[in-house]
Amino acid sequence: MDLAHARLGARGDRWSTSRGVLDVRTPASDVVTRRFEGYATLDLIEPAVRHLETLIDSGLHPIVFDDLELGTGYDSDVRAKLTAWHLRNPGKLKEVHILVRPGLIAMGVTVANLATGGKFVVYTDRSTYEWTLAGVLTARITAGPVSSVRAPSPR
């Protein structure tokens, strides 16, 4: 196994092998972005699964954004492991958004989505995916306690 790890600031990690790279970031406490490129093997995806499990164990129901657009392929056991994880953990993720391009990975995501009952929102258009992510992050930034919301003063 040639798995390497690097920190990407305070809220991110990069795992890489000779065949692929996976960046995992947590831009908000319950939002996870994962950007994958290259070829996926089990050793490469294990840290991403552990990261989600840590968030879930802390009581969160994360919203996940997976950018798989630059993925070129995967070992068949990767899809099987991820699908099995989703089937064992229903309701533990609030939402799963996945960006793919047509090809092998898109077919794998389609199969996994069918197996899990259509729980994933799948995108083939980057701008729609990015706008959705931006909307979720904006909601986290602008949300505050109800007491901070004030009615406009009458004029």
Protein backbone atom coordinates (compact mmCIF):
# COMPACT_ATOMS: atom_id res chain seq x y z
CA MET A 1 0.00 0.00 0.00
CA ASP A 2 1.43 3.37 -0.99
CA LEU A 3 -1.09 5.58 0.84
CA ALA A 4 0.23 9.05 1.66
CA HIS A 5 -1.45 11.69 3.82
CA ALA A 6 -1.15 15.48 3.98
CA ARG A 7 -3.08 18.11 5.94
CA LEU A 8 -4.92 20.76 3.91
CA GLY A 9 -5.21 23.47 6.52
CA ALA A 10 -7.27 23.11 9.68
CA ARG A 11 -10.29 21.50 8.01
CA GLY A 12 -8.92 19.26 5.31
CA ASP A 13 -6.87 16.21 4.45
CA ARG A 14 -5.45 14.71 1.28
CA TRP A 15 -4.88 11.02 0.80
CA SER A 16 -3.07 9.81 -2.27
CA THR A 17 -1.75 6.68 -3.88
CA SER A 18 0.18 6.22 -7.08
CA ARG A 19 -3.20 5.86 -8.81
CA GLY A 20 -5.47 8.47 -7.24
CA VAL A 21 -5.98 11.45 -4.95
CA LEU A 22 -8.79 12.18 -2.50
CA ASP A 23 -9.24 15.55 -0.81
CA VAL A 24 -11.64 15.65 2.15
CA ARG A 25 -12.66 18.97 3.67
CA THR A 26 -15.14 20.00 6.32
CA PRO A 27 -16.00 23.63 5.45
CA ALA A 28 -18.82 23.64 8.04
CA SER A 29 -19.36 21.34 11.00
CA ASP A 30 -21.95 19.23 9.15
CA VAL A 31 -20.79 19.71 5.54
CA VAL A 32 -18.19 17.42 3.97
CA THR A 33 -16.69 17.92 0.53
CA ARG A 34 -14.72 15.14 -1.09
CA ARG A 35 -12.90 15.62 -4.38
CA PHE A 36 -11.54 12.54 -6.06
CA GLU A 37 -9.38 12.16 -9.12
CA GLY A 38 -7.76 9.16 -10.70
CA TYR A 39 -8.40 5.55 -9.81
CA ALA A 40 -10.05 4.52 -6.50
CA THR A 41 -8.86 1.61 -4.40
CA LEU A 42 -10.07 0.51 -0.98
CA ASP A 43 -7.04 1.92 0.82
CA LEU A 44 -7.77 5.33 -0.69
CA ILE A 45 -11.44 5.49 0.33
CA GLU A 46 -11.04 4.05 3.86
CA PRO A 47 -9.97 7.40 5.40
CA ALA A 48 -13.02 9.13 3.90
CA VAL A 49 -15.32 6.52 5.44
CA ARG A 50 -13.61 6.89 8.83
CA HIS A 51 -13.98 10.68 8.61
CA LEU A 52 -17.75 10.37 8.06
CA GLU A 53 -18.06 7.86 10.89
CA THR A 54 -16.26 10.25 13.26
CA LEU A 55 -18.73 13.03 12.41
CA ILE A 56 -21.70 10.70 12.80
CA ASP A 57 -20.37 9.40 16.14
CA SER A 58 -20.28 13.02 17.35
CA GLY A 59 -24.02 13.27 16.72
CA LEU A 60 -24.02 15.00 13.33
CA HIS A 61 -25.95 14.05 10.20
CA PRO A 62 -23.52 15.36 7.57
CA ILE A 63 -24.37 16.71 4.15
CA VAL A 64 -21.86 15.20 1.74
CA PHE A 65 -20.70 16.65 -1.58
CA ASP A 66 -18.65 14.21 -3.67
CA ASP A 67 -16.87 15.62 -6.72
CA LEU A 68 -15.99 12.55 -8.79
CA GLU A 69 -15.74 14.36 -12.12
CA LEU A 70 -12.02 13.61 -12.55
CA GLY A 71 -12.29 9.99 -11.47
CA THR A 72 -11.10 7.50 -14.07
CA GLY A 73 -12.18 4.23 -12.48
CA TYR A 74 -12.35 2.11 -9.34
CA ASP A 75 -11.83 -1.40 -8.04
CA SER A 76 -15.18 -3.24 -7.90
CA ASP A 77 -14.81 -3.74 -4.14
CA VAL A 78 -14.87 0.07 -3.70
CA ARG A 79 -18.44 0.36 -4.99
CA ALA A 80 -19.49 -2.71 -3.02
CA LYS A 81 -17.99 -1.37 0.23
CA LEU A 82 -19.49 2.10 -0.16
CA THR A 83 -22.91 0.74 -1.11
CA ALA A 84 -22.85 -1.63 1.87
CA TRP A 85 -21.88 1.25 4.16
CA HIS A 86 -24.85 3.32 2.98
CA LEU A 87 -27.20 0.35 3.42
CA ARG A 88 -25.93 -0.22 7.00
CA ASN A 89 -26.24 3.46 7.89
CA PRO A 90 -29.62 4.64 6.62
CA GLY A 91 -30.56 8.12 7.78
CA LYS A 92 -27.11 8.91 9.15
CA LEU A 93 -26.32 11.30 6.30
CA LYS A 94 -28.68 14.21 5.77
CA GLU A 95 -27.94 14.49 2.04
CA VAL A 96 -25.48 13.09 -0.49
CA HIS A 97 -24.69 15.12 -3.62
CA ILE A 98 -22.46 13.56 -6.28
CA LEU A 99 -20.94 15.19 -9.37
CA VAL A 100 -19.97 12.75 -12.13
CA ARG A 101 -19.18 12.85 -15.81
CA PRO A 102 -20.49 10.18 -18.17
CA GLY A 103 -18.50 6.96 -17.96
CA LEU A 104 -17.60 4.14 -15.63
CA ILE A 105 -17.89 6.09 -12.39
CA ALA A 106 -21.29 7.50 -13.38
CA MET A 107 -22.50 3.94 -14.04
CA GLY A 108 -21.20 2.83 -10.64
CA VAL A 109 -22.92 5.73 -8.90
CA THR A 110 -26.17 4.88 -10.71
CA VAL A 111 -25.96 1.25 -9.55
CA ALA A 112 -25.20 2.32 -5.96
CA ASN A 113 -28.03 4.87 -6.03
CA LEU A 114 -30.49 2.20 -7.16
CA ALA A 115 -29.28 -0.20 -4.47
CA THR A 116 -29.72 2.42 -1.75
CA GLY A 117 -33.19 3.49 -2.84
CA GLY A 118 -32.27 6.65 -4.74
CA LYS A 119 -30.82 8.55 -1.78
CA PHE A 120 -28.18 10.39 -3.82
CA VAL A 121 -28.63 13.59 -5.79
CA VAL A 122 -26.48 13.06 -8.88
CA TYR A 123 -25.23 15.91 -11.07
CA THR A 124 -23.55 15.95 -14.45
CA ASP A 125 -23.42 19.76 -14.56
CA ARG A 126 -20.67 21.34 -12.44
CA SER A 127 -22.38 24.71 -12.11
CA THR A 128 -25.55 23.20 -10.63
CA TYR A 129 -23.47 21.13 -8.20
CA GLU A 130 -21.38 24.18 -7.19
CA TRP A 131 -24.49 26.35 -6.73
CA THR A 132 -26.05 23.72 -4.50
CA LEU A 133 -22.89 23.52 -2.39
CA ALA A 134 -22.69 27.32 -2.20
CA GLY A 135 -26.33 27.48 -1.07
CA VAL A 136 -25.74 24.98 1.72
CA LEU A 137 -22.61 26.80 2.91
CA THR A 138 -24.33 30.19 2.72
CA ALA A 139 -27.16 28.86 4.86
CA ARG A 140 -24.58 27.73 7.46
CA ILE A 141 -22.84 31.11 7.43
CA THR A 142 -25.97 33.23 7.65
CA ALA A 143 -27.86 31.05 10.12
CA GLY A 144 -27.95 32.35 13.63
CA PRO A 145 -30.01 31.91 16.71
CA VAL A 146 -33.65 32.93 16.37
CA SER A 147 -33.08 35.71 18.89
CA SER A 148 -30.70 37.41 16.48
CA VAL A 149 -33.40 37.82 13.85
CA ARG A 150 -34.99 41.24 14.08
CA ALA A 151 -37.96 42.72 12.35
CA PRO A 152 -37.23 45.82 10.29
CA SER A 153 -37.98 49.04 12.14
CA PRO A 154 -41.06 50.91 10.93
CA ARG A 155 -40.39 54.17 9.08
